[in-house]
Amino acid sequence: MEKENNTAVSENTNESDTEKMPETEDGYKKEKNSSLSKILIAAAVVCALVGGFIWYKTQSGKDAYADIQESIVEEPAETVEEEPVKETAAAAASTSSAAAETAATAATAAPAEEIPIDFQTLWETCPDAYAWIRIPNTQIDYPVCQNVEGDQSFYLDHRADKTAEFAGAIYSENYNTRDFTDPVTVLYGHDMSNGSMFQNLHFYEDRAFFEKNRDVIVYLPDRVLHYKIFAAYNYSDEHLLLNHDNFRDENEFYFFLQDILAQRSMSGFVDQNTELTRQSRILTLSTCNAYENQRYLVQCLLMNPEVLPQTGTASEADTSDRAQPSEEAQTGR
């Protein structure tokens, strides 16, 4: 009898446990879902705060450069048309003669090109700025900096005024001189999501834009350099200057030019009619692309090398000195 009672108690206990289990599981699931929801909400809030902070920092950096541009870039003065003055026939003849003489003088001694950048004011806040780059029909309109001594990547995460800012600045390293006389001058800039720095270089992935927007202007304190874009393509992330010993060897430079002309890429464009020689001066603009082990390069040929300081190494190039796509380059050397 006692055994039967024990069995009954055991059965009642099991039945009671069986009835409670579903309630316990539901409660656990509800509690788990509630905790998960709280975690997701907290994560969303953190992401929103981080995203907002990044947007704020990016926008503040962009606004800072807008302030620099506003205070440094001088707009050309407006010309005011004056009422024509009535002249006698003799006076008109004299004026005409003087105008002809002035035109002849201007033809033999053209005035220096206007430099719209107030470098003296620029140096007050950006002491390492030595040039200004402008690409029409893009937002690229910035000072160019170089940390001559010390950390060569300083301007990777500092603005031109030396304020810490992950958007950085447009800069070169001291492997290049600051007068653009090197065979290849490399300028670096971030690919920022808000379109600042060198992000607009990616416009050149579109053939129509590449064909219509080839001009690049570099202002120096005493001269203006005019470049023509002739190539835009993805390249390895190798250090371009160090990997080629700063192109000190003319033959190394010549083969490099051949390789550029031989580019074959679905995402790259090259004007193979560009005349490149050992005396050419190339400006390379370098930024990030979608691949960790690559860079996106836009390369430009200096069109008025006569304005550069004479280094004593340049000479007139003959036709045989022009770079052509080499067989090695075409086969992927």
C-alpha atoms as a PDB file:
ATOM      1  CA  MET A   1       0.000   0.000   0.000  1.00  0.00           C
ATOM      2  CA  GLU A   2       2.819   2.302   0.857  1.00  0.00           C
ATOM      3  CA  LYS A   3       4.498   1.468  -2.413  1.00  0.00           C
ATOM      4  CA  GLU A   4       1.365   2.360  -4.331  1.00  0.00           C
ATOM      5  CA  ASN A   5       1.144   5.699  -2.541  1.00  0.00           C
ATOM      6  CA  ASN A   6       4.765   6.422  -3.410  1.00  0.00           C
ATOM      7  CA  THR A   7       4.067   5.615  -7.021  1.00  0.00           C
ATOM      8  CA  ALA A   8       1.071   7.909  -7.006  1.00  0.00           C
ATOM      9  CA  VAL A   9       3.079  10.697  -5.517  1.00  0.00           C
ATOM     10  CA  SER A  10       5.757  10.146  -8.134  1.00  0.00           C
ATOM     11  CA  GLU A  11       3.211  10.196 -10.907  1.00  0.00           C
ATOM     12  CA  ASN A  12       1.628  13.354  -9.526  1.00  0.00           C
ATOM     13  CA  THR A  13       5.041  14.975  -9.313  1.00  0.00           C
ATOM     14  CA  ASN A  14       5.884  14.125 -12.921  1.00  0.00           C
ATOM     15  CA  GLU A  15       2.528  15.362 -14.069  1.00  0.00           C
ATOM     16  CA  SER A  16       3.013  18.602 -12.195  1.00  0.00           C
ATOM     17  CA  ASP A  17       6.495  19.074 -13.691  1.00  0.00           C
ATOM     18  CA  THR A  18       5.194  18.333 -17.161  1.00  0.00           C
ATOM     19  CA  GLU A  19       2.514  20.957 -16.797  1.00  0.00           C
ATOM     20  CA  LYS A  20       5.014  23.608 -15.621  1.00  0.00           C
ATOM     21  CA  MET A  21       7.726  23.019 -18.229  1.00  0.00           C
ATOM     22  CA  PRO A  22       6.008  24.770 -21.140  1.00  0.00           C
ATOM     23  CA  GLU A  23       5.452  27.835 -18.947  1.00  0.00           C
ATOM     24  CA  THR A  24       9.113  27.840 -17.959  1.00  0.00           C
ATOM     25  CA  GLU A  25      10.275  27.517 -21.584  1.00  0.00           C
ATOM     26  CA  ASP A  26       7.958  30.320 -22.725  1.00  0.00           C
ATOM     27  CA  GLY A  27       9.213  32.527 -19.946  1.00  0.00           C
ATOM     28  CA  TYR A  28      12.792  31.762 -20.846  1.00  0.00           C
ATOM     29  CA  LYS A  29      12.121  32.515 -24.503  1.00  0.00           C
ATOM     30  CA  LYS A  30      10.355  35.767 -23.642  1.00  0.00           C
ATOM     31  CA  GLU A  31      13.201  36.799 -21.362  1.00  0.00           C
ATOM     32  CA  LYS A  32      15.762  35.817 -24.002  1.00  0.00           C
ATOM     33  CA  ASN A  33      13.913  37.743 -26.719  1.00  0.00           C
ATOM     34  CA  SER A  34      13.617  40.741 -24.429  1.00  0.00           C
ATOM     35  CA  SER A  35      17.353  40.668 -23.690  1.00  0.00           C
ATOM     36  CA  LEU A  36      18.144  40.268 -27.379  1.00  0.00           C
ATOM     37  CA  SER A  37      15.894  43.214 -28.234  1.00  0.00           C
ATOM     38  CA  LYS A  38      17.645  45.347 -25.635  1.00  0.00           C
ATOM     39  CA  ILE A  39      21.038  44.357 -27.026  1.00  0.00           C
ATOM     40  CA  LEU A  40      19.943  45.169 -30.592  1.00  0.00           C
ATOM     41  CA  ILE A  41      18.523  48.516 -29.500  1.00  0.00           C
ATOM     42  CA  ALA A  42      21.711  49.323 -27.588  1.00  0.00           C
ATOM     43  CA  ALA A  43      23.819  48.326 -30.615  1.00  0.00           C
ATOM     44  CA  ALA A  44      21.658  50.495 -32.880  1.00  0.00           C
ATOM     45  CA  VAL A  45      22.087  53.458 -30.530  1.00  0.00           C
ATOM     46  CA  VAL A  46      25.861  52.948 -30.408  1.00  0.00           C
ATOM     47  CA  CYS A  47      26.017  52.674 -34.218  1.00  0.00           C
ATOM     48  CA  ALA A  48      23.942  55.831 -34.573  1.00  0.00           C
ATOM     49  CA  LEU A  49      26.196  57.695 -32.137  1.00  0.00           C
ATOM     50  CA  VAL A  50      29.375  56.484 -33.837  1.00  0.00           C
ATOM     51  CA  GLY A  51      27.947  57.223 -37.273  1.00  0.00           C
ATOM     52  CA  GLY A  52      26.870  60.660 -36.129  1.00  0.00           C
ATOM     53  CA  PHE A  53      30.307  61.337 -34.667  1.00  0.00           C
ATOM     54  CA  ILE A  54      32.047  60.239 -37.865  1.00  0.00           C
ATOM     55  CA  TRP A  55      29.676  62.388 -39.943  1.00  0.00           C
ATOM     56  CA  TYR A  56      30.303  65.351 -37.634  1.00  0.00           C
ATOM     57  CA  LYS A  57      34.084  64.934 -37.791  1.00  0.00           C
ATOM     58  CA  THR A  58      34.009  64.473 -41.560  1.00  0.00           C
ATOM     59  CA  GLN A  59      31.763  67.480 -42.068  1.00  0.00           C
ATOM     60  CA  SER A  60      33.803  69.631 -39.688  1.00  0.00           C
ATOM     61  CA  GLY A  61      36.952  68.727 -41.627  1.00  0.00           C
ATOM     62  CA  LYS A  62      35.251  69.629 -44.893  1.00  0.00           C
ATOM     63  CA  ASP A  63      34.014  72.912 -43.418  1.00  0.00           C
ATOM     64  CA  ALA A  64      37.523  73.697 -42.149  1.00  0.00           C
ATOM     65  CA  TYR A  65      38.908  73.414 -45.682  1.00  0.00           C
ATOM     66  CA  ALA A  66      36.045  75.557 -46.950  1.00  0.00           C
ATOM     67  CA  ASP A  67      37.157  78.239 -44.480  1.00  0.00           C
ATOM     68  CA  ILE A  68      40.754  77.921 -45.689  1.00  0.00           C
ATOM     69  CA  GLN A  69      39.638  78.202 -49.300  1.00  0.00           C
ATOM     70  CA  GLU A  70      37.532  81.249 -48.558  1.00  0.00           C
ATOM     71  CA  SER A  71      40.369  83.095 -46.833  1.00  0.00           C
ATOM     72  CA  ILE A  72      43.188  82.042 -49.169  1.00  0.00           C
ATOM     73  CA  VAL A  73      41.769  81.909 -52.685  1.00  0.00           C
ATOM     74  CA  GLU A  74      41.556  85.334 -54.271  1.00  0.00           C
ATOM     75  CA  GLU A  75      38.800  85.865 -56.800  1.00  0.00           C
ATOM     76  CA  PRO A  76      39.838  87.765 -59.923  1.00  0.00           C
ATOM     77  CA  ALA A  77      38.815  91.408 -59.848  1.00  0.00           C
ATOM     78  CA  GLU A  78      35.708  92.310 -61.821  1.00  0.00           C
ATOM     79  CA  THR A  79      36.281  94.441 -64.867  1.00  0.00           C
ATOM     80  CA  VAL A  80      34.082  97.513 -65.213  1.00  0.00           C
ATOM     81  CA  GLU A  81      33.252  98.590 -68.710  1.00  0.00           C
ATOM     82  CA  GLU A  82      33.688 102.305 -69.247  1.00  0.00           C
ATOM     83  CA  GLU A  83      31.727 104.480 -71.580  1.00  0.00           C
ATOM     84  CA  PRO A  84      33.527 104.954 -74.893  1.00  0.00           C
ATOM     85  CA  VAL A  85      35.136 108.379 -75.306  1.00  0.00           C
ATOM     86  CA  LYS A  86      34.583 110.215 -78.535  1.00  0.00           C
ATOM     87  CA  GLU A  87      37.868 110.930 -80.285  1.00  0.00           C
ATOM     88  CA  THR A  88      38.964 113.104 -83.149  1.00  0.00           C
ATOM     89  CA  ALA A  89      40.374 111.402 -86.241  1.00  0.00           C
ATOM     90  CA  ALA A  90      43.933 112.406 -85.270  1.00  0.00           C
ATOM     91  CA  ALA A  91      43.490 111.132 -81.729  1.00  0.00           C
ATOM     92  CA  ALA A  92      42.021 107.867 -83.030  1.00  0.00           C
ATOM     93  CA  ALA A  93      45.003 107.360 -85.347  1.00  0.00           C
ATOM     94  CA  SER A  94      47.403 108.024 -82.475  1.00  0.00           C
ATOM     95  CA  THR A  95      45.496 105.607 -80.206  1.00  0.00           C
ATOM     96  CA  SER A  96      45.525 102.946 -82.901  1.00  0.00           C
ATOM     97  CA  SER A  97      49.289 103.308 -83.349  1.00  0.00           C
ATOM     98  CA  ALA A  98      49.867 103.082 -79.588  1.00  0.00           C
ATOM     99  CA  ALA A  99      47.655 100.002 -79.342  1.00  0.00           C
ATOM    100  CA  ALA A 100      49.585  98.277 -82.103  1.00  0.00           C
ATOM    101  CA  GLU A 101      52.864  99.038 -80.365  1.00  0.00           C
ATOM    102  CA  THR A 102      51.499  97.730 -77.034  1.00  0.00           C
ATOM    103  CA  ALA A 103      50.282  94.523 -78.685  1.00  0.00           C
ATOM    104  CA  ALA A 104      53.685  93.943 -80.259  1.00  0.00           C
ATOM    105  CA  THR A 105      55.394  94.442 -76.901  1.00  0.00           C
ATOM    106  CA  ALA A 106      52.947  92.077 -75.175  1.00  0.00           C
ATOM    107  CA  ALA A 107      53.592  89.408 -77.791  1.00  0.00           C
ATOM    108  CA  THR A 108      57.322  89.401 -77.005  1.00  0.00           C
ATOM    109  CA  ALA A 109      56.975  89.737 -73.221  1.00  0.00           C
ATOM    110  CA  ALA A 110      53.718  88.192 -71.970  1.00  0.00           C
ATOM    111  CA  PRO A 111      52.983  88.926 -68.303  1.00  0.00           C
ATOM    112  CA  ALA A 112      53.292  86.123 -65.752  1.00  0.00           C
ATOM    113  CA  GLU A 113      50.126  84.125 -65.178  1.00  0.00           C
ATOM    114  CA  GLU A 114      48.033  85.310 -62.249  1.00  0.00           C
ATOM    115  CA  ILE A 115      48.311  83.238 -59.061  1.00  0.00           C
ATOM    116  CA  PRO A 116      44.998  83.398 -57.169  1.00  0.00           C
ATOM    117  CA  ILE A 117      46.379  81.875 -53.965  1.00  0.00           C
ATOM    118  CA  ASP A 118      47.489  84.138 -51.122  1.00  0.00           C
ATOM    119  CA  PHE A 119      50.408  81.993 -49.940  1.00  0.00           C
ATOM    120  CA  GLN A 120      51.505  84.471 -47.286  1.00  0.00           C
ATOM    121  CA  THR A 121      48.143  84.162 -45.544  1.00  0.00           C
ATOM    122  CA  LEU A 122      48.080  80.406 -46.152  1.00  0.00           C
ATOM    123  CA  TRP A 123      51.420  79.945 -44.370  1.00  0.00           C
ATOM    124  CA  GLU A 124      50.067  81.635 -41.233  1.00  0.00           C
ATOM    125  CA  THR A 125      47.845  78.601 -40.540  1.00  0.00           C
ATOM    126  CA  CYS A 126      49.367  75.933 -42.816  1.00  0.00           C
ATOM    127  CA  PRO A 127      53.148  76.333 -42.555  1.00  0.00           C
ATOM    128  CA  ASP A 128      53.928  73.112 -44.464  1.00  0.00           C
ATOM    129  CA  ALA A 129      51.776  74.018 -47.474  1.00  0.00           C
ATOM    130  CA  TYR A 130      53.936  74.580 -50.537  1.00  0.00           C
ATOM    131  CA  ALA A 131      51.443  74.330 -53.419  1.00  0.00           C
ATOM    132  CA  TRP A 132      47.745  74.371 -54.214  1.00  0.00           C
ATOM    133  CA  ILE A 133      46.019  71.846 -56.491  1.00  0.00           C
ATOM    134  CA  ARG A 134      42.823  72.502 -58.407  1.00  0.00           C
ATOM    135  CA  ILE A 135      40.938  70.208 -60.795  1.00  0.00           C
ATOM    136  CA  PRO A 136      38.073  71.986 -62.594  1.00  0.00           C
ATOM    137  CA  ASN A 137      34.618  70.365 -62.346  1.00  0.00           C
ATOM    138  CA  THR A 138      35.565  68.516 -59.166  1.00  0.00           C
ATOM    139  CA  GLN A 139      35.722  69.458 -55.487  1.00  0.00           C
ATOM    140  CA  ILE A 140      39.507  69.053 -55.527  1.00  0.00           C
ATOM    141  CA  ASP A 141      40.739  72.527 -54.568  1.00  0.00           C
ATOM    142  CA  TYR A 142      43.225  72.158 -51.717  1.00  0.00           C
ATOM    143  CA  PRO A 143      46.606  73.142 -50.344  1.00  0.00           C
ATOM    144  CA  VAL A 144      49.383  70.574 -50.786  1.00  0.00           C
ATOM    145  CA  CYS A 145      51.558  69.854 -47.736  1.00  0.00           C
ATOM    146  CA  GLN A 146      54.793  68.062 -46.998  1.00  0.00           C
ATOM    147  CA  ASN A 147      56.267  67.256 -43.604  1.00  0.00           C
ATOM    148  CA  VAL A 148      59.875  67.741 -44.649  1.00  0.00           C
ATOM    149  CA  GLU A 149      61.367  66.162 -41.533  1.00  0.00           C
ATOM    150  CA  GLY A 150      59.855  63.520 -39.290  1.00  0.00           C
ATOM    151  CA  ASP A 151      56.822  61.319 -39.891  1.00  0.00           C
ATOM    152  CA  GLN A 152      56.126  61.213 -43.614  1.00  0.00           C
ATOM    153  CA  SER A 153      52.553  60.029 -42.981  1.00  0.00           C
ATOM    154  CA  PHE A 154      51.776  62.959 -40.664  1.00  0.00           C
ATOM    155  CA  TYR A 155      49.270  64.478 -43.079  1.00  0.00           C
ATOM    156  CA  LEU A 156      47.544  61.138 -43.512  1.00  0.00           C
ATOM    157  CA  ASP A 157      45.529  62.021 -40.415  1.00  0.00           C
ATOM    158  CA  HIS A 158      46.160  65.746 -39.939  1.00  0.00           C
ATOM    159  CA  ARG A 159      44.625  68.672 -41.784  1.00  0.00           C
ATOM    160  CA  ALA A 160      46.785  71.229 -43.541  1.00  0.00           C
ATOM    161  CA  ASP A 161      46.621  73.404 -40.407  1.00  0.00           C
ATOM    162  CA  LYS A 162      48.089  70.439 -38.428  1.00  0.00           C
ATOM    163  CA  THR A 163      44.830  69.700 -36.613  1.00  0.00           C
ATOM    164  CA  ALA A 164      44.380  65.970 -35.994  1.00  0.00           C
ATOM    165  CA  GLU A 165      41.690  64.830 -38.437  1.00  0.00           C
ATOM    166  CA  PHE A 166      41.297  61.367 -39.978  1.00  0.00           C
ATOM    167  CA  ALA A 167      40.386  62.942 -43.342  1.00  0.00           C
ATOM    168  CA  GLY A 168      43.946  64.263 -43.437  1.00  0.00           C
ATOM    169  CA  ALA A 169      45.254  66.550 -46.162  1.00  0.00           C
ATOM    170  CA  ILE A 170      46.592  66.398 -49.702  1.00  0.00           C
ATOM    171  CA  TYR A 171      50.295  65.766 -49.267  1.00  0.00           C
ATOM    172  CA  SER A 172      53.546  64.468 -50.699  1.00  0.00           C
ATOM    173  CA  GLU A 173      56.423  62.735 -48.955  1.00  0.00           C
ATOM    174  CA  ASN A 174      59.964  64.091 -48.809  1.00  0.00           C
ATOM    175  CA  TYR A 175      61.084  61.532 -51.387  1.00  0.00           C
ATOM    176  CA  ASN A 176      59.858  64.246 -53.741  1.00  0.00           C
ATOM    177  CA  THR A 177      61.206  67.764 -54.010  1.00  0.00           C
ATOM    178  CA  ARG A 178      58.670  70.543 -53.560  1.00  0.00           C
ATOM    179  CA  ASP A 179      59.263  72.208 -56.938  1.00  0.00           C
ATOM    180  CA  PHE A 180      57.742  69.404 -59.096  1.00  0.00           C
ATOM    181  CA  THR A 181      60.963  68.855 -61.027  1.00  0.00           C
ATOM    182  CA  ASP A 182      61.149  65.118 -60.226  1.00  0.00           C
ATOM    183  CA  PRO A 183      60.312  62.668 -63.025  1.00  0.00           C
ATOM    184  CA  VAL A 184      57.325  61.498 -60.952  1.00  0.00           C
ATOM    185  CA  THR A 185      55.719  63.533 -58.178  1.00  0.00           C
ATOM    186  CA  VAL A 186      53.154  61.651 -56.079  1.00  0.00           C
ATOM    187  CA  LEU A 187      50.372  63.390 -54.160  1.00  0.00           C
ATOM    188  CA  TYR A 188      48.237  61.396 -51.714  1.00  0.00           C
ATOM    189  CA  GLY A 189      44.696  61.981 -50.463  1.00  0.00           C
ATOM    190  CA  HIS A 190      41.922  59.989 -48.818  1.00  0.00           C
ATOM    191  CA  ASP A 191      38.808  58.728 -50.607  1.00  0.00           C
ATOM    192  CA  MET A 192      36.262  60.383 -48.287  1.00  0.00           C
ATOM    193  CA  SER A 193      32.587  59.407 -48.455  1.00  0.00           C
ATOM    194  CA  ASN A 194      31.472  63.046 -48.366  1.00  0.00           C
ATOM    195  CA  GLY A 195      33.311  63.782 -51.609  1.00  0.00           C
ATOM    196  CA  SER A 196      36.223  65.632 -50.017  1.00  0.00           C
ATOM    197  CA  MET A 197      39.968  65.121 -50.407  1.00  0.00           C
ATOM    198  CA  PHE A 198      40.711  62.864 -53.410  1.00  0.00           C
ATOM    199  CA  GLN A 199      37.334  61.089 -53.564  1.00  0.00           C
ATOM    200  CA  ASN A 200      36.466  62.890 -56.801  1.00  0.00           C
ATOM    201  CA  LEU A 201      39.373  61.189 -58.555  1.00  0.00           C
ATOM    202  CA  HIS A 202      36.989  58.263 -58.929  1.00  0.00           C
ATOM    203  CA  PHE A 203      34.989  60.412 -61.360  1.00  0.00           C
ATOM    204  CA  TYR A 204      37.655  59.359 -63.855  1.00  0.00           C
ATOM    205  CA  GLU A 205      36.334  55.797 -63.777  1.00  0.00           C
ATOM    206  CA  ASP A 206      33.687  57.155 -66.156  1.00  0.00           C
ATOM    207  CA  ARG A 207      35.017  57.440 -69.693  1.00  0.00           C
ATOM    208  CA  ALA A 208      32.868  60.460 -70.611  1.00  0.00           C
ATOM    209  CA  PHE A 209      34.204  62.380 -67.589  1.00  0.00           C
ATOM    210  CA  PHE A 210      37.759  61.248 -68.345  1.00  0.00           C
ATOM    211  CA  GLU A 211      37.532  62.536 -71.910  1.00  0.00           C
ATOM    212  CA  LYS A 212      36.066  65.930 -71.011  1.00  0.00           C
ATOM    213  CA  ASN A 213      37.931  66.846 -67.826  1.00  0.00           C
ATOM    214  CA  ARG A 214      41.646  66.461 -68.305  1.00  0.00           C
ATOM    215  CA  ASP A 215      43.037  69.713 -66.871  1.00  0.00           C
ATOM    216  CA  VAL A 216      44.866  69.928 -63.538  1.00  0.00           C
ATOM    217  CA  ILE A 217      46.331  73.180 -62.215  1.00  0.00           C
ATOM    218  CA  VAL A 218      49.027  73.415 -59.551  1.00  0.00           C
ATOM    219  CA  TYR A 219      49.764  76.846 -58.110  1.00  0.00           C
ATOM    220  CA  LEU A 220      53.158  77.567 -56.572  1.00  0.00           C
ATOM    221  CA  PRO A 221      54.122  80.872 -54.924  1.00  0.00           C
ATOM    222  CA  ASP A 222      55.953  82.011 -58.067  1.00  0.00           C
ATOM    223  CA  ARG A 223      54.522  80.006 -60.978  1.00  0.00           C
ATOM    224  CA  VAL A 224      51.569  78.030 -62.325  1.00  0.00           C
ATOM    225  CA  LEU A 225      51.890  74.463 -63.575  1.00  0.00           C
ATOM    226  CA  HIS A 226      49.413  73.103 -66.104  1.00  0.00           C
ATOM    227  CA  TYR A 227      48.953  69.348 -66.357  1.00  0.00           C
ATOM    228  CA  LYS A 228      46.903  67.148 -68.670  1.00  0.00           C
ATOM    229  CA  ILE A 229      45.448  63.893 -67.364  1.00  0.00           C
ATOM    230  CA  PHE A 230      46.384  60.990 -69.623  1.00  0.00           C
ATOM    231  CA  ALA A 231      45.772  57.894 -67.467  1.00  0.00           C
ATOM    232  CA  ALA A 232      43.474  56.702 -64.670  1.00  0.00           C
ATOM    233  CA  TYR A 233      43.544  53.118 -63.444  1.00  0.00           C
ATOM    234  CA  ASN A 234      43.858  50.737 -60.492  1.00  0.00           C
ATOM    235  CA  TYR A 235      47.403  49.919 -59.439  1.00  0.00           C
ATOM    236  CA  SER A 236      49.095  47.822 -56.770  1.00  0.00           C
ATOM    237  CA  ASP A 237      49.617  49.343 -53.326  1.00  0.00           C
ATOM    238  CA  GLU A 238      53.396  49.306 -53.708  1.00  0.00           C
ATOM    239  CA  HIS A 239      55.248  52.489 -52.790  1.00  0.00           C
ATOM    240  CA  LEU A 240      55.621  53.922 -56.263  1.00  0.00           C
ATOM    241  CA  LEU A 241      58.740  56.009 -55.619  1.00  0.00           C
ATOM    242  CA  LEU A 242      60.691  53.655 -53.380  1.00  0.00           C
ATOM    243  CA  ASN A 243      59.912  50.641 -55.534  1.00  0.00           C
ATOM    244  CA  HIS A 244      61.485  52.443 -58.522  1.00  0.00           C
ATOM    245  CA  ASP A 245      64.333  54.170 -56.642  1.00  0.00           C
ATOM    246  CA  ASN A 246      62.663  57.549 -57.188  1.00  0.00           C
ATOM    247  CA  PHE A 247      63.109  57.040 -60.946  1.00  0.00           C
ATOM    248  CA  ARG A 248      66.705  58.233 -60.773  1.00  0.00           C
ATOM    249  CA  ASP A 249      67.537  55.894 -63.632  1.00  0.00           C
ATOM    250  CA  GLU A 250      66.203  57.346 -66.913  1.00  0.00           C
ATOM    251  CA  ASN A 251      65.731  53.854 -68.340  1.00  0.00           C
ATOM    252  CA  GLU A 252      63.683  52.788 -65.306  1.00  0.00           C
ATOM    253  CA  PHE A 253      61.510  55.861 -65.834  1.00  0.00           C
ATOM    254  CA  TYR A 254      61.225  55.164 -69.558  1.00  0.00           C
ATOM    255  CA  PHE A 255      60.036  51.580 -69.007  1.00  0.00           C
ATOM    256  CA  PHE A 256      57.556  52.837 -66.405  1.00  0.00           C
ATOM    257  CA  LEU A 257      56.078  55.197 -69.003  1.00  0.00           C
ATOM    258  CA  GLN A 258      55.806  52.309 -71.454  1.00  0.00           C
ATOM    259  CA  ASP A 259      53.929  50.279 -68.865  1.00  0.00           C
ATOM    260  CA  ILE A 260      51.449  53.114 -68.339  1.00  0.00           C
ATOM    261  CA  LEU A 261      50.716  53.356 -72.054  1.00  0.00           C
ATOM    262  CA  ALA A 262      50.215  49.593 -72.183  1.00  0.00           C
ATOM    263  CA  GLN A 263      47.519  49.564 -69.493  1.00  0.00           C
ATOM    264  CA  ARG A 264      44.639  47.238 -70.338  1.00  0.00           C
ATOM    265  CA  SER A 265      41.875  47.443 -67.768  1.00  0.00           C
ATOM    266  CA  MET A 266      38.089  47.502 -67.843  1.00  0.00           C
ATOM    267  CA  SER A 267      38.115  50.153 -65.094  1.00  0.00           C
ATOM    268  CA  GLY A 268      41.040  52.165 -66.449  1.00  0.00           C
ATOM    269  CA  PHE A 269      41.560  54.631 -69.271  1.00  0.00           C
ATOM    270  CA  VAL A 270      44.774  55.705 -70.980  1.00  0.00           C
ATOM    271  CA  ASP A 271      45.273  58.236 -73.760  1.00  0.00           C
ATOM    272  CA  GLN A 272      47.868  56.303 -75.735  1.00  0.00           C
ATOM    273  CA  ASN A 273      48.406  59.268 -78.063  1.00  0.00           C
ATOM    274  CA  THR A 274      50.131  61.146 -75.242  1.00  0.00           C
ATOM    275  CA  GLU A 275      53.773  61.830 -76.054  1.00  0.00           C
ATOM    276  CA  LEU A 276      55.873  60.710 -73.104  1.00  0.00           C
ATOM    277  CA  THR A 277      59.667  60.945 -73.071  1.00  0.00           C
ATOM    278  CA  ARG A 278      62.504  60.605 -70.600  1.00  0.00           C
ATOM    279  CA  GLN A 279      62.194  64.361 -70.061  1.00  0.00           C
ATOM    280  CA  SER A 280      58.477  64.233 -69.221  1.00  0.00           C
ATOM    281  CA  ARG A 281      57.366  65.328 -65.782  1.00  0.00           C
ATOM    282  CA  ILE A 282      54.524  63.236 -64.371  1.00  0.00           C
ATOM    283  CA  LEU A 283      52.148  64.150 -61.553  1.00  0.00           C
ATOM    284  CA  THR A 284      50.556  61.073 -59.970  1.00  0.00           C
ATOM    285  CA  LEU A 285      47.462  61.513 -57.790  1.00  0.00           C
ATOM    286  CA  SER A 286      46.933  58.513 -55.525  1.00  0.00           C
ATOM    287  CA  THR A 287      43.908  57.485 -53.452  1.00  0.00           C
ATOM    288  CA  CYS A 288      42.179  54.390 -52.090  1.00  0.00           C
ATOM    289  CA  ASN A 289      39.855  52.131 -54.027  1.00  0.00           C
ATOM    290  CA  ALA A 290      37.606  49.231 -53.062  1.00  0.00           C
ATOM    291  CA  TYR A 291      40.514  46.787 -52.692  1.00  0.00           C
ATOM    292  CA  GLU A 292      42.913  46.677 -49.751  1.00  0.00           C
ATOM    293  CA  ASN A 293      45.938  45.784 -51.874  1.00  0.00           C
ATOM    294  CA  GLN A 294      45.400  48.416 -54.558  1.00  0.00           C
ATOM    295  CA  ARG A 295      45.446  52.164 -55.149  1.00  0.00           C
ATOM    296  CA  TYR A 296      43.615  54.257 -57.711  1.00  0.00           C
ATOM    297  CA  LEU A 297      45.974  56.469 -59.711  1.00  0.00           C
ATOM    298  CA  VAL A 298      45.282  59.472 -61.917  1.00  0.00           C
ATOM    299  CA  GLN A 299      48.384  60.505 -63.836  1.00  0.00           C
ATOM    300  CA  CYS A 300      49.053  63.822 -65.512  1.00  0.00           C
ATOM    301  CA  LEU A 301      51.672  65.183 -67.911  1.00  0.00           C
ATOM    302  CA  LEU A 302      53.166  68.633 -67.290  1.00  0.00           C
ATOM    303  CA  MET A 303      52.303  70.735 -70.342  1.00  0.00           C
ATOM    304  CA  ASN A 304      54.475  73.794 -69.596  1.00  0.00           C
ATOM    305  CA  PRO A 305      57.789  72.391 -68.312  1.00  0.00           C
ATOM    306  CA  GLU A 306      59.577  75.574 -69.378  1.00  0.00           C
ATOM    307  CA  VAL A 307      58.341  77.279 -66.190  1.00  0.00           C
ATOM    308  CA  LEU A 308      60.172  74.797 -63.935  1.00  0.00           C
ATOM    309  CA  PRO A 309      63.525  75.698 -62.378  1.00  0.00           C
ATOM    310  CA  GLN A 310      66.361  74.528 -64.577  1.00  0.00           C
ATOM    311  CA  THR A 311      67.967  71.468 -63.033  1.00  0.00           C
ATOM    312  CA  GLY A 312      70.632  70.990 -65.701  1.00  0.00           C
ATOM    313  CA  THR A 313      69.429  67.479 -66.541  1.00  0.00           C
ATOM    314  CA  ALA A 314      66.711  68.181 -69.058  1.00  0.00           C
ATOM    315  CA  SER A 315      67.387  68.077 -72.777  1.00  0.00           C
ATOM    316  CA  GLU A 316      65.332  68.268 -75.932  1.00  0.00           C
ATOM    317  CA  ALA A 317      63.916  64.869 -76.763  1.00  0.00           C
ATOM    318  CA  ASP A 318      63.866  63.565 -80.288  1.00  0.00           C
ATOM    319  CA  THR A 319      61.196  61.342 -81.795  1.00  0.00           C
ATOM    320  CA  SER A 320      63.081  58.144 -80.968  1.00  0.00           C
ATOM    321  CA  ASP A 321      62.912  59.083 -77.270  1.00  0.00           C
ATOM    322  CA  ARG A 322      59.122  58.865 -77.101  1.00  0.00           C
ATOM    323  CA  ALA A 323      57.752  56.077 -74.972  1.00  0.00           C
ATOM    324  CA  GLN A 324      55.677  53.430 -76.716  1.00  0.00           C
ATOM    325  CA  PRO A 325      53.872  50.445 -75.204  1.00  0.00           C
ATOM    326  CA  SER A 326      56.587  47.789 -74.913  1.00  0.00           C
ATOM    327  CA  GLU A 327      56.084  44.151 -75.799  1.00  0.00           C
ATOM    328  CA  GLU A 328      56.970  43.262 -72.230  1.00  0.00           C
ATOM    329  CA  ALA A 329      54.358  45.648 -70.870  1.00  0.00           C
ATOM    330  CA  GLN A 330      51.695  44.343 -73.223  1.00  0.00           C
ATOM    331  CA  THR A 331      52.310  40.829 -71.976  1.00  0.00           C
ATOM    332  CA  GLY A 332      52.157  41.920 -68.350  1.00  0.00           C
ATOM    333  CA  ARG A 333      55.823  42.326 -67.441  1.00  0.00           C
END
